[in-house]
Amino acid sequence: MIVIKATIGVLAAIWLMAILTGSHAAPEYSDDFLPLTSTITSVCPWGFGDKGQSGVSGPIEILGTNAVPIVSGDYDTSPIQAIVGAASKSGNGRIVGLGHDGFFINGALTLYDNKQFGVNLINWLEGTQDKKKILVSTGHGEPWVGSGDYDDFYAELRSKGYTVNIFSGTITSSSLSDVSIFFISCPGPSLSEAEIDTIRSFVSNGGGLLIQGLGWAWLSYEKKSLEEYPVNKLAMPYGFKWIGGYVSDPTNNRNGCPVFHIFFPQAENIEKKIENPENSQLTQNKSKPFSEIGSTSNSNLPPTVESLTPNPASPQDVSATVKWSTKASDPENDPVYYKFLLKGPKTSGEWQVEQDWSTNNAWAWNVGDSDIGSSAVSVRIMDGKHAGAEDMDDFKESSGYTVNKKQLPPPNVQVATDIYAPGDQRVYYCDEGGKYAVRNRLYLTGPDLNRVASVKYIMPPSFPKNEVVSDDPSKNFEISILTWGRFEQVAFVTTKDGQVSQISYFLTFKDKVLDAQSRGVPFERDCSG
């Protein structure tokens, strides 16, 4: 029995070495990979959002002798010893692949050794090129890398002398001509075969290539085979590819997010950590190739959000009720739970839970005065089999929903005209230049004067000034003009809450002059303006 156990242990150790190196011997130049993991002890791919969410890593399979695993899970990782980082060399070109896009986002960069790990990768990919120019692709649906979520990482690289440029165009030999490192992360299906060939030529000419991918995300979102996954088409000639399944670790994790602590070259000796391989998942699965362990046929995949829609659409006024509805799908048709959050004026710009976890995929937002301005809404989902109550499996955000102040009816005011004031019973006139003109008063009357902030009176084209503004409520926004004749004009009234309304007025004073003369009101010459 002792002999049998020993034999099993040897076989398991040999098998484990095989899966960590893709059933191949390590490349003869394996020492060249040591700088990738120098001084690194732990890394953790974090997710996205203001507070950070658990990252669901996906495994990588080593295919040939030209690639090595640089980051892997340990003895109790599921799937067993999942590889989440691989590196390869092709001539003078260098390639690194990672099984998640959250190692270097803003919220993750200060976790564990993530920052130094990222710097190590970039320095290794730069090699001896001495250009230090990085081009980041964003033209194929690549999430996060061009939207500010990587700004801290880019700032760190710039502090090391690198130039980092974001590029949303088609990848051509011209766009890569003066670049030393090309960074592409989880591209969508729009990455063309021609662009893939261009990237390969770039590597053949000595360029560095950093690829991030997620096999399970491609399967869930695009509903296409992994053979069609653009990063697999790109990476397979270099000896590795992304496969289905997600990585978990019950003993080394941060809020459910695996913390990886096995790095090249120690990963090649991980079998020493397994004391009873005959009772472990290692022995139970040793008859299966690594590509099947943790594949989508054997793993429960998390749900994904397909849409988040408001009804009615933006903008709306205060007192409206906006129904936010979301649509999600789960590969195994597990029940999906939803949580809705709001970020805007009401929440002081912070995410705030408005409807906690439930199976209700809709939330009614009763818009109030505190919501005036622009707000964002987020829905977070889970199926209860992956993320904890404070985490999520997926999310979607909708920003820029505008809430306006409730529009009141236009103020009930009118423009009144007169040729003298109650406290100054005189009519002022001017007869210079053979023209006779009378000074007229224009002012507002009406029950809603207290709502008015200012009035802009529009003058006839013949006037020196085409508009005159008054913001003096003490005199009912009065202005005076020296004129003769009759005309119909408009005034624009601005209320204290910013509403602008237009009112018409008709100016004629012949009857008023005759009335003043009949009542003996004195006329006084004044041509002072």
Protein backbone atom coordinates (compact mmCIF):
# COMPACT_ATOMS: atom_id res chain seq x y z
CA MET A 1 0.00 0.00 0.00
CA ILE A 2 2.89 2.32 0.79
CA VAL A 3 4.43 1.54 -2.59
CA ILE A 4 1.10 2.27 -4.34
CA LYS A 5 0.73 5.66 -2.59
CA ALA A 6 4.27 6.61 -3.45
CA THR A 7 3.70 5.67 -7.08
CA ILE A 8 0.53 7.76 -7.19
CA GLY A 9 2.36 10.68 -5.63
CA VAL A 10 5.11 10.52 -8.26
CA LEU A 11 2.61 10.27 -11.10
CA ALA A 12 0.58 13.18 -9.75
CA ALA A 13 3.66 15.31 -9.38
CA ILE A 14 4.70 14.51 -12.95
CA TRP A 15 1.19 15.30 -14.19
CA LEU A 16 1.06 18.56 -12.27
CA MET A 17 4.36 19.65 -13.76
CA ALA A 18 2.86 18.89 -17.16
CA ILE A 19 -0.20 21.09 -16.75
CA LEU A 20 1.84 23.99 -15.42
CA THR A 21 4.13 23.84 -18.43
CA GLY A 22 1.51 22.77 -20.97
CA SER A 23 2.82 19.16 -21.10
CA HIS A 24 6.13 20.37 -22.42
CA ALA A 25 9.64 21.05 -21.28
CA ALA A 26 10.45 24.62 -20.31
CA PRO A 27 12.15 26.70 -23.02
CA GLU A 28 15.92 26.64 -23.02
CA TYR A 29 15.90 30.43 -22.49
CA SER A 30 13.65 30.17 -19.40
CA ASP A 31 16.03 32.37 -17.36
CA ASP A 32 15.02 35.19 -19.70
CA PHE A 33 11.60 35.19 -17.98
CA LEU A 34 12.92 35.73 -14.44
CA PRO A 35 12.64 39.57 -14.53
CA LEU A 36 8.87 39.24 -15.04
CA THR A 37 8.28 38.08 -11.49
CA SER A 38 11.32 39.45 -9.68
CA THR A 39 10.39 40.59 -6.12
CA ILE A 40 6.71 39.70 -6.72
CA THR A 41 5.00 37.72 -3.94
CA SER A 42 1.24 38.31 -4.45
CA VAL A 43 -1.11 39.85 -7.02
CA CYS A 44 -4.88 40.17 -7.20
CA PRO A 45 -7.03 41.20 -10.17
CA TRP A 46 -9.66 43.55 -8.82
CA GLY A 47 -12.85 44.49 -10.62
CA PHE A 48 -14.37 47.85 -11.52
CA GLY A 49 -16.57 50.48 -9.90
CA ASP A 50 -15.94 53.26 -7.40
CA LYS A 51 -15.33 50.86 -4.51
CA GLY A 52 -13.84 48.00 -6.51
CA GLN A 53 -15.45 44.62 -7.00
CA SER A 54 -14.07 41.09 -7.11
CA GLY A 55 -12.40 40.20 -10.37
CA VAL A 56 -13.43 36.84 -11.88
CA SER A 57 -10.22 35.61 -13.53
CA GLY A 58 -10.17 33.16 -16.39
CA PRO A 59 -7.51 30.46 -16.98
CA ILE A 60 -4.91 30.29 -19.72
CA GLU A 61 -3.69 27.08 -21.32
CA ILE A 62 -0.04 26.59 -22.31
CA LEU A 63 0.16 25.00 -25.76
CA GLY A 64 3.78 24.78 -26.77
CA THR A 65 7.40 24.86 -25.69
CA ASN A 66 7.83 28.54 -26.49
CA ALA A 67 5.57 29.72 -23.61
CA VAL A 68 5.83 29.50 -19.83
CA PRO A 69 3.32 30.07 -17.00
CA ILE A 70 4.30 33.15 -15.00
CA VAL A 71 1.31 33.31 -12.58
CA SER A 72 -0.80 30.39 -11.39
CA GLY A 73 -3.11 29.22 -8.66
CA ASP A 74 -2.00 26.81 -5.97
CA TYR A 75 -3.05 23.34 -4.78
CA ASP A 76 -6.64 24.25 -3.87
CA THR A 77 -7.40 26.65 -6.73
CA SER A 78 -10.32 25.71 -8.96
CA PRO A 79 -9.57 24.71 -11.64
CA ILE A 80 -6.44 23.03 -10.27
CA GLN A 81 -3.36 25.24 -10.67
CA ALA A 82 -5.16 27.57 -13.07
CA ILE A 83 -2.64 29.61 -15.03
CA VAL A 84 -3.60 33.28 -15.23
CA GLY A 85 -0.39 34.65 -16.70
CA ALA A 86 1.79 33.39 -19.55
CA ALA A 87 4.85 34.70 -21.37
CA SER A 88 6.55 33.81 -24.60
CA LYS A 89 9.29 34.90 -26.94
CA SER A 90 9.26 34.91 -30.73
CA GLY A 91 12.63 35.86 -32.13
CA ASN A 92 13.35 39.24 -30.59
CA GLY A 93 9.66 39.82 -29.90
CA ARG A 94 8.13 39.31 -26.46
CA ILE A 95 4.58 38.48 -25.46
CA VAL A 96 2.69 38.44 -22.15
CA GLY A 97 -0.90 37.28 -21.65
CA LEU A 98 -3.06 37.79 -18.53
CA GLY A 99 -6.32 36.13 -17.55
CA HIS A 100 -8.05 39.28 -16.31
CA ASP A 101 -8.17 43.01 -17.12
CA GLY A 102 -8.21 44.15 -13.48
CA PHE A 103 -4.62 43.73 -12.30
CA PHE A 104 -3.67 47.33 -13.10
CA ILE A 105 -6.86 49.39 -12.80
CA ASN A 106 -6.82 52.42 -10.50
CA GLY A 107 -8.34 50.64 -7.51
CA ALA A 108 -6.09 47.60 -7.83
CA LEU A 109 -2.72 49.18 -8.48
CA THR A 110 -1.90 49.61 -4.79
CA LEU A 111 -3.03 46.09 -3.86
CA TYR A 112 -0.29 43.58 -3.05
CA ASP A 113 2.49 43.72 -5.68
CA ASN A 114 0.22 44.66 -8.58
CA LYS A 115 2.06 47.90 -9.40
CA GLN A 116 5.52 46.33 -9.45
CA PHE A 117 4.20 43.36 -11.40
CA GLY A 118 2.87 45.74 -14.07
CA VAL A 119 6.17 47.63 -14.21
CA ASN A 120 8.06 44.31 -14.47
CA LEU A 121 5.90 43.23 -17.42
CA ILE A 122 6.38 46.51 -19.27
CA ASN A 123 10.14 46.59 -18.66
CA TRP A 124 10.48 43.00 -19.87
CA LEU A 125 8.38 43.67 -22.97
CA GLU A 126 10.50 46.75 -23.72
CA GLY A 127 13.61 44.60 -23.68
CA THR A 128 16.50 46.30 -25.46
CA GLN A 129 14.40 48.41 -27.85
CA ASP A 130 15.16 51.67 -26.00
CA LYS A 131 12.02 53.42 -27.33
CA LYS A 132 9.77 53.30 -24.27
CA LYS A 133 6.67 54.04 -26.35
CA ILE A 134 3.43 52.24 -25.49
CA LEU A 135 0.33 52.24 -27.69
CA VAL A 136 -2.97 51.28 -26.02
CA SER A 137 -5.71 50.00 -28.33
CA THR A 138 -9.30 51.18 -27.71
CA GLY A 139 -10.85 50.84 -31.17
CA HIS A 140 -12.35 47.36 -30.81
CA GLY A 141 -14.58 47.65 -27.76
CA GLU A 142 -11.68 47.26 -25.31
CA PRO A 143 -13.18 48.13 -21.91
CA TRP A 144 -11.62 50.33 -19.24
CA VAL A 145 -8.15 50.87 -20.72
CA GLY A 146 -9.08 54.15 -22.41
CA SER A 147 -11.76 55.50 -20.08
CA GLY A 148 -9.67 56.71 -17.13
CA ASP A 149 -9.69 53.44 -15.16
CA TYR A 150 -6.00 52.85 -15.98
CA ASP A 151 -4.81 56.43 -15.46
CA ASP A 152 -2.85 55.57 -12.30
CA PHE A 153 -1.01 52.77 -14.10
CA TYR A 154 -0.21 54.99 -17.06
CA ALA A 155 1.02 57.70 -14.68
CA GLU A 156 3.32 55.18 -13.01
CA LEU A 157 4.72 54.11 -16.38
CA ARG A 158 5.25 57.73 -17.43
CA SER A 159 7.18 58.28 -14.20
CA LYS A 160 9.47 55.47 -15.39
CA GLY A 161 10.13 57.30 -18.66
CA TYR A 162 7.53 55.66 -20.88
CA THR A 163 5.25 57.46 -23.30
CA VAL A 164 1.68 56.10 -23.22
CA ASN A 165 -0.73 56.92 -26.05
CA ILE A 166 -4.35 55.86 -26.47
CA PHE A 167 -5.25 54.77 -30.01
CA SER A 168 -8.80 54.18 -31.25
CA GLY A 169 -8.08 53.66 -34.93
CA THR A 170 -7.40 50.65 -37.13
CA ILE A 171 -4.13 48.92 -36.29
CA THR A 172 -1.71 49.29 -39.18
CA SER A 173 2.03 48.99 -39.66
CA SER A 174 2.12 52.79 -39.70
CA SER A 175 0.41 53.11 -36.32
CA LEU A 176 2.91 50.66 -34.83
CA SER A 177 5.99 51.98 -36.65
CA ASP A 178 7.48 53.92 -33.74
CA VAL A 179 6.04 51.81 -30.89
CA SER A 180 7.93 49.44 -28.63
CA ILE A 181 4.95 47.91 -26.73
CA PHE A 182 1.41 47.33 -27.97
CA PHE A 183 -1.27 46.84 -25.27
CA ILE A 184 -4.62 45.27 -26.19
CA SER A 185 -7.19 44.20 -23.60
CA CYS A 186 -10.29 42.03 -24.16
CA PRO A 187 -11.03 43.26 -27.70
CA GLY A 188 -14.36 42.50 -29.32
CA PRO A 189 -14.97 40.68 -32.60
CA SER A 190 -14.17 43.79 -34.66
CA LEU A 191 -10.43 43.08 -34.36
CA SER A 192 -9.82 41.99 -37.95
CA GLU A 193 -7.57 39.28 -39.36
CA ALA A 194 -5.57 41.99 -41.11
CA GLU A 195 -4.97 43.77 -37.79
CA ILE A 196 -3.96 40.49 -36.13
CA ASP A 197 -1.44 39.89 -38.92
CA THR A 198 -0.11 43.43 -38.46
CA ILE A 199 0.38 42.85 -34.72
CA ARG A 200 2.18 39.58 -35.38
CA SER A 201 4.52 41.35 -37.83
CA PHE A 202 5.15 43.95 -35.13
CA VAL A 203 6.20 41.18 -32.72
CA SER A 204 8.33 39.49 -35.39
CA ASN A 205 10.19 42.77 -35.78
CA GLY A 206 11.06 42.80 -32.06
CA GLY A 207 8.01 44.51 -30.53
CA GLY A 208 6.49 43.76 -27.15
CA LEU A 209 2.85 42.65 -26.91
CA LEU A 210 0.72 42.75 -23.75
CA ILE A 211 -2.63 40.95 -24.09
CA GLN A 212 -5.44 40.70 -21.55
CA GLY A 213 -8.34 38.35 -22.11
CA LEU A 214 -11.19 36.44 -20.47
CA GLY A 215 -12.41 33.24 -22.04
CA TRP A 216 -15.59 33.01 -19.98
CA ALA A 217 -16.50 36.63 -20.80
CA TRP A 218 -16.14 35.97 -24.53
CA LEU A 219 -18.37 32.91 -24.25
CA SER A 220 -20.97 34.73 -22.14
CA TYR A 221 -21.11 38.06 -23.97
CA GLU A 222 -20.37 37.18 -27.58
CA LYS A 223 -21.90 33.66 -27.58
CA LYS A 224 -19.12 32.49 -29.91
CA SER A 225 -16.53 29.74 -29.71
CA LEU A 226 -13.10 30.32 -28.19
CA GLU A 227 -11.56 29.53 -31.59
CA GLU A 228 -13.12 32.79 -32.77
CA TYR A 229 -11.80 34.80 -29.81
CA PRO A 230 -9.45 37.45 -31.31
CA VAL A 231 -6.90 37.22 -28.49
CA ASN A 232 -6.67 33.46 -29.05
CA LYS A 233 -6.04 33.98 -32.75
CA LEU A 234 -3.36 36.45 -31.72
CA ALA A 235 -1.70 34.41 -28.96
CA MET A 236 -1.84 30.78 -30.12
CA PRO A 237 1.20 31.06 -32.42
CA TYR A 238 3.13 32.09 -29.30
CA GLY A 239 2.14 28.97 -27.35
CA PHE A 240 -0.88 29.85 -25.18
CA LYS A 241 -4.59 30.60 -25.31
CA TRP A 242 -7.53 31.59 -23.11
CA ILE A 243 -9.98 28.84 -22.17
CA GLY A 244 -13.41 28.67 -20.53
CA GLY A 245 -14.15 28.69 -16.83
CA TYR A 246 -13.37 31.06 -14.00
CA VAL A 247 -10.79 30.85 -11.23
CA SER A 248 -11.57 30.65 -7.51
CA ASP A 249 -9.51 29.96 -4.40
CA PRO A 250 -11.18 29.22 -1.05
CA THR A 251 -8.10 29.96 1.07
CA ASN A 252 -6.22 32.73 -0.74
CA ASN A 253 -8.69 35.43 -1.72
CA ARG A 254 -9.72 39.01 -1.10
CA ASN A 255 -13.51 39.18 -0.75
CA GLY A 256 -13.76 36.25 -3.14
CA CYS A 257 -11.14 37.53 -5.57
CA PRO A 258 -8.24 35.02 -5.84
CA VAL A 259 -4.89 36.27 -4.56
CA PHE A 260 -2.18 34.59 -6.62
CA HIS A 261 1.16 33.84 -5.00
CA ILE A 262 2.74 31.24 -7.29
CA PHE A 263 5.08 32.79 -9.86
CA PHE A 264 7.69 31.72 -12.38
CA PRO A 265 9.87 29.79 -11.77
CA GLN A 266 8.36 28.53 -8.47
CA ALA A 267 5.22 27.46 -10.32
CA GLU A 268 7.23 24.63 -11.83
CA ASN A 269 7.71 23.13 -8.36
CA ILE A 270 4.16 23.50 -7.04
CA GLU A 271 3.77 19.72 -6.75
CA LYS A 272 5.76 19.88 -3.49
CA LYS A 273 2.79 21.58 -1.84
CA ILE A 274 0.48 18.60 -2.34
CA GLU A 275 0.75 16.04 0.45
CA ASN A 276 -2.13 13.71 -0.45
CA PRO A 277 -2.60 13.92 -4.22
CA GLU A 278 -4.68 10.71 -4.31
CA ASN A 279 -7.46 12.46 -2.35
CA SER A 280 -7.29 15.77 -4.16
CA GLN A 281 -8.99 17.22 -7.17
CA LEU A 282 -5.62 16.81 -8.84
CA THR A 283 -5.92 13.02 -8.80
CA GLN A 284 -9.64 13.09 -9.61
CA ASN A 285 -9.01 15.10 -12.77
CA LYS A 286 -5.65 13.71 -13.82
CA SER A 287 -7.18 11.80 -16.73
CA LYS A 288 -8.45 15.09 -18.28
CA PRO A 289 -6.42 17.57 -20.29
CA PHE A 290 -6.04 21.01 -18.73
CA SER A 291 -8.24 22.60 -21.38
CA GLU A 292 -11.20 20.63 -20.03
CA ILE A 293 -10.65 21.39 -16.35
CA GLY A 294 -12.75 24.39 -15.46
CA SER A 295 -14.23 24.63 -18.94
CA THR A 296 -17.69 26.06 -19.42
CA SER A 297 -19.15 22.59 -19.62
CA ASN A 298 -18.06 21.87 -16.03
CA SER A 299 -18.30 25.33 -14.41
CA ASN A 300 -21.22 27.49 -13.46
CA LEU A 301 -20.75 30.84 -15.19
CA PRO A 302 -21.89 34.17 -13.77
CA PRO A 303 -24.78 36.15 -15.31
CA THR A 304 -24.26 39.15 -17.55
CA VAL A 305 -26.13 42.44 -17.94
CA GLU A 306 -27.44 43.06 -21.43
CA SER A 307 -29.22 46.41 -21.03
CA LEU A 308 -30.22 49.19 -18.61
CA THR A 309 -32.99 51.46 -19.88
CA PRO A 310 -34.88 54.46 -18.42
CA ASN A 311 -38.51 55.24 -19.19
CA PRO A 312 -39.14 58.08 -19.87
CA ALA A 313 -35.84 59.09 -21.39
CA SER A 314 -33.72 62.05 -20.26
CA PRO A 315 -34.31 64.93 -19.65
CA GLN A 316 -37.24 65.11 -17.23
CA ASP A 317 -38.57 67.67 -14.76
CA VAL A 318 -38.78 67.36 -11.00
CA SER A 319 -41.73 65.20 -9.85
CA ALA A 320 -41.35 62.73 -12.74
CA THR A 321 -41.20 58.99 -12.05
CA VAL A 322 -38.51 57.24 -14.08
CA LYS A 323 -38.61 53.46 -14.34
CA TRP A 324 -35.19 51.87 -14.82
CA SER A 325 -35.40 48.36 -16.29
CA THR A 326 -32.56 45.96 -16.89
CA LYS A 327 -32.21 42.76 -18.84
CA ALA A 328 -29.75 40.06 -17.81
CA SER A 329 -28.94 36.52 -18.88
CA ASP A 330 -27.45 33.56 -17.03
CA PRO A 331 -25.84 30.68 -18.99
CA GLU A 332 -27.41 28.10 -16.63
CA ASN A 333 -30.70 30.01 -16.21
CA ASP A 334 -29.97 30.51 -12.51
CA PRO A 335 -32.13 33.13 -10.74
CA VAL A 336 -30.55 36.58 -11.09
CA TYR A 337 -30.51 39.16 -8.29
CA TYR A 338 -30.39 42.90 -8.94
CA LYS A 339 -29.20 45.95 -7.01
CA PHE A 340 -29.74 49.53 -8.23
CA LEU A 341 -27.52 52.46 -7.26
CA LEU A 342 -27.70 56.20 -7.92
CA LYS A 343 -24.90 58.76 -8.19
CA GLY A 344 -25.71 62.44 -8.61
CA PRO A 345 -26.59 65.69 -6.83
CA LYS A 346 -28.81 63.86 -4.36
CA THR A 347 -25.95 61.57 -3.29
CA SER A 348 -23.17 64.20 -3.36
CA GLY A 349 -21.57 62.43 -6.29
CA GLU A 350 -21.21 59.09 -4.48
CA TRP A 351 -22.82 55.78 -5.38
CA GLN A 352 -25.80 55.11 -3.09
CA VAL A 353 -27.96 52.00 -2.98
CA GLU A 354 -31.55 52.84 -3.94
CA GLN A 355 -32.90 49.28 -4.23
CA ASP A 356 -30.97 46.46 -2.57
CA TRP A 357 -30.59 42.88 -3.79
CA SER A 358 -33.83 41.35 -5.03
CA THR A 359 -35.18 39.48 -8.04
CA ASN A 360 -36.90 42.68 -9.20
CA ASN A 361 -35.17 43.81 -12.40
CA ALA A 362 -36.74 47.30 -12.30
CA TRP A 363 -36.52 50.33 -10.03
CA ALA A 364 -38.80 53.36 -9.90
CA TRP A 365 -36.94 56.64 -9.37
CA ASN A 366 -39.21 59.32 -7.96
CA VAL A 367 -37.36 62.44 -9.02
CA GLY A 368 -37.21 65.29 -6.49
CA ASP A 369 -35.63 68.72 -6.12
CA SER A 370 -32.44 67.17 -4.77
CA ASP A 371 -31.99 65.34 -8.09
CA ILE A 372 -31.80 68.50 -10.20
CA GLY A 373 -28.76 68.19 -12.44
CA SER A 374 -27.06 65.17 -14.03
CA SER A 375 -27.14 61.70 -12.43
CA ALA A 376 -25.90 58.19 -13.19
CA VAL A 377 -27.65 54.91 -12.44
CA SER A 378 -25.96 51.52 -12.04
CA VAL A 379 -27.40 48.04 -11.85
CA ARG A 380 -25.33 45.24 -10.34
CA ILE A 381 -26.26 41.60 -10.67
CA MET A 382 -25.32 38.19 -9.32
CA ASP A 383 -26.72 34.68 -9.26
CA GLY A 384 -25.59 33.87 -5.70
CA LYS A 385 -23.01 31.33 -6.86
CA HIS A 386 -20.01 33.62 -7.32
CA ALA A 387 -19.91 37.09 -5.74
CA GLY A 388 -20.84 37.80 -2.13
CA ALA A 389 -23.53 40.25 -0.99
CA GLU A 390 -21.11 43.18 -1.17
CA ASP A 391 -19.78 42.20 -4.60
CA MET A 392 -21.32 41.47 -8.00
CA ASP A 393 -20.98 39.26 -11.05
CA ASP A 394 -21.58 42.00 -13.58
CA PHE A 395 -22.84 45.56 -13.83
CA LYS A 396 -23.93 48.26 -16.25
CA GLU A 397 -24.05 52.02 -15.81
CA SER A 398 -25.99 54.77 -17.53
CA SER A 399 -24.75 58.33 -17.02
CA GLY A 400 -25.93 61.80 -18.00
CA TYR A 401 -29.59 61.53 -17.02
CA THR A 402 -30.70 65.15 -16.62
CA VAL A 403 -33.34 66.39 -14.20
CA ASN A 404 -34.57 69.96 -14.64
CA LYS A 405 -36.40 72.23 -12.28
CA LYS A 406 -40.12 71.92 -12.63
CA GLN A 407 -41.26 74.49 -15.15
CA LEU A 408 -43.81 76.89 -13.64
CA PRO A 409 -46.21 78.85 -15.86
CA PRO A 410 -44.74 82.12 -17.18
CA PRO A 411 -45.07 84.92 -14.63
CA ASN A 412 -48.26 86.95 -14.84
CA VAL A 413 -46.71 90.35 -15.63
CA GLN A 414 -47.20 92.97 -18.33
CA VAL A 415 -45.22 95.87 -19.73
CA ALA A 416 -46.85 99.20 -18.87
CA THR A 417 -46.00 102.60 -20.37
CA ASP A 418 -46.48 106.16 -19.14
CA ILE A 419 -45.11 109.67 -19.76
CA TYR A 420 -44.81 110.77 -16.15
CA ALA A 421 -44.41 109.21 -12.73
CA PRO A 422 -46.87 109.42 -9.82
CA GLY A 423 -44.26 111.19 -7.69
CA ASP A 424 -43.16 113.56 -10.46
CA GLN A 425 -46.11 115.11 -12.22
CA ARG A 426 -44.14 116.49 -15.16
CA VAL A 427 -43.81 115.51 -18.80
CA TYR A 428 -40.29 115.78 -20.20
CA TYR A 429 -39.77 116.49 -23.87
CA CYS A 430 -37.02 117.42 -26.31
CA ASP A 431 -37.40 119.40 -29.54
CA GLU A 432 -33.83 119.47 -30.82
CA GLY A 433 -33.19 118.94 -34.51
CA GLY A 434 -36.71 119.81 -35.48
CA LYS A 435 -38.05 116.60 -33.90
CA TYR A 436 -40.37 116.47 -30.96
CA ALA A 437 -39.91 113.52 -28.63
CA VAL A 438 -41.39 112.70 -25.24
CA ARG A 439 -39.69 110.71 -22.46
CA ASN A 440 -41.58 107.47 -21.87
CA ARG A 441 -41.46 105.15 -18.88
CA LEU A 442 -41.55 101.34 -19.48
CA TYR A 443 -42.00 99.09 -16.45
CA LEU A 444 -43.63 95.86 -15.29
CA THR A 445 -46.92 95.39 -13.53
CA GLY A 446 -48.76 92.27 -12.42
CA PRO A 447 -49.19 89.85 -9.50
CA ASP A 448 -45.98 87.85 -10.18
CA LEU A 449 -43.44 90.68 -9.94
CA ASN A 450 -41.77 88.87 -7.04
CA ARG A 451 -40.78 86.04 -9.42
CA VAL A 452 -38.91 88.35 -11.80
CA ALA A 453 -35.13 88.74 -11.81
CA SER A 454 -34.63 90.96 -14.86
CA VAL A 455 -36.31 92.33 -17.99
CA LYS A 456 -34.78 92.89 -21.41
CA TYR A 457 -36.75 95.42 -23.47
CA ILE A 458 -36.26 95.15 -27.25
CA MET A 459 -36.18 98.53 -29.03
CA PRO A 460 -37.03 99.36 -32.65
CA PRO A 461 -34.12 99.10 -35.15
CA SER A 462 -33.91 102.90 -35.45
CA PHE A 463 -32.91 103.25 -31.79
CA PRO A 464 -29.22 103.68 -30.85
CA LYS A 465 -29.57 100.71 -28.52
CA ASN A 466 -31.59 97.75 -29.70
CA GLU A 467 -32.10 96.40 -26.21
CA VAL A 468 -32.17 97.80 -22.69
CA VAL A 469 -31.97 95.60 -19.56
CA SER A 470 -33.23 96.37 -16.06
CA ASP A 471 -32.67 94.20 -13.00
CA ASP A 472 -33.95 96.74 -10.43
CA PRO A 473 -37.10 95.42 -8.74
CA SER A 474 -37.41 98.53 -6.54
CA LYS A 475 -38.76 100.49 -9.51
CA ASN A 476 -40.58 97.57 -11.10
CA PHE A 477 -37.73 97.14 -13.62
CA GLU A 478 -38.36 100.56 -15.10
CA ILE A 479 -36.46 102.13 -18.00
CA SER A 480 -37.02 105.43 -19.81
CA ILE A 481 -36.72 106.22 -23.51
CA LEU A 482 -37.04 109.42 -25.51
CA THR A 483 -39.25 108.76 -28.55
CA TRP A 484 -42.13 109.84 -30.68
CA GLY A 485 -44.55 107.69 -32.60
CA ARG A 486 -46.06 104.30 -31.97
CA PHE A 487 -44.64 100.81 -32.24
CA GLU A 488 -45.17 97.24 -31.06
CA GLN A 489 -42.22 95.52 -29.43
CA VAL A 490 -41.37 92.57 -27.15
CA ALA A 491 -39.65 92.15 -23.80
CA PHE A 492 -37.96 89.04 -22.37
CA VAL A 493 -38.64 88.39 -18.70
CA THR A 494 -36.18 86.18 -16.76
CA THR A 495 -37.46 84.70 -13.50
CA LYS A 496 -35.40 84.01 -10.40
CA ASP A 497 -35.36 80.28 -11.21
CA GLY A 498 -33.97 80.91 -14.69
CA GLN A 499 -37.09 80.68 -16.84
CA VAL A 500 -37.31 83.11 -19.75
CA SER A 501 -40.63 84.19 -21.23
CA GLN A 502 -41.55 86.67 -23.92
CA ILE A 503 -44.29 89.29 -23.66
CA SER A 504 -45.43 91.83 -26.24
CA TYR A 505 -46.19 95.46 -25.58
CA PHE A 506 -47.52 98.35 -27.67
CA LEU A 507 -46.08 101.80 -27.15
CA THR A 508 -48.19 104.88 -28.04
CA PHE A 509 -48.42 108.12 -26.09
CA LYS A 510 -50.48 110.60 -28.17
CA ASP A 511 -53.52 110.05 -25.99
CA LYS A 512 -51.37 110.31 -22.85
CA VAL A 513 -49.91 113.66 -24.02
CA LEU A 514 -53.35 115.05 -24.79
CA ASP A 515 -54.63 113.86 -21.41
CA ALA A 516 -51.70 115.52 -19.59
CA GLN A 517 -52.29 118.78 -21.42
CA SER A 518 -56.00 118.73 -20.57
CA ARG A 519 -55.21 118.23 -16.88
CA GLY A 520 -52.62 120.97 -16.80
CA VAL A 521 -49.63 118.75 -16.16
CA PRO A 522 -46.53 120.89 -16.72
CA PHE A 523 -44.23 120.09 -19.67
CA GLU A 524 -40.51 120.60 -19.12
CA ARG A 525 -37.84 120.65 -21.81
CA ASP A 526 -35.03 118.17 -21.13
CA CYS A 527 -32.67 117.06 -23.88
CA SER A 528 -30.05 115.59 -21.55
CA GLY A 529 -30.59 112.12 -22.90
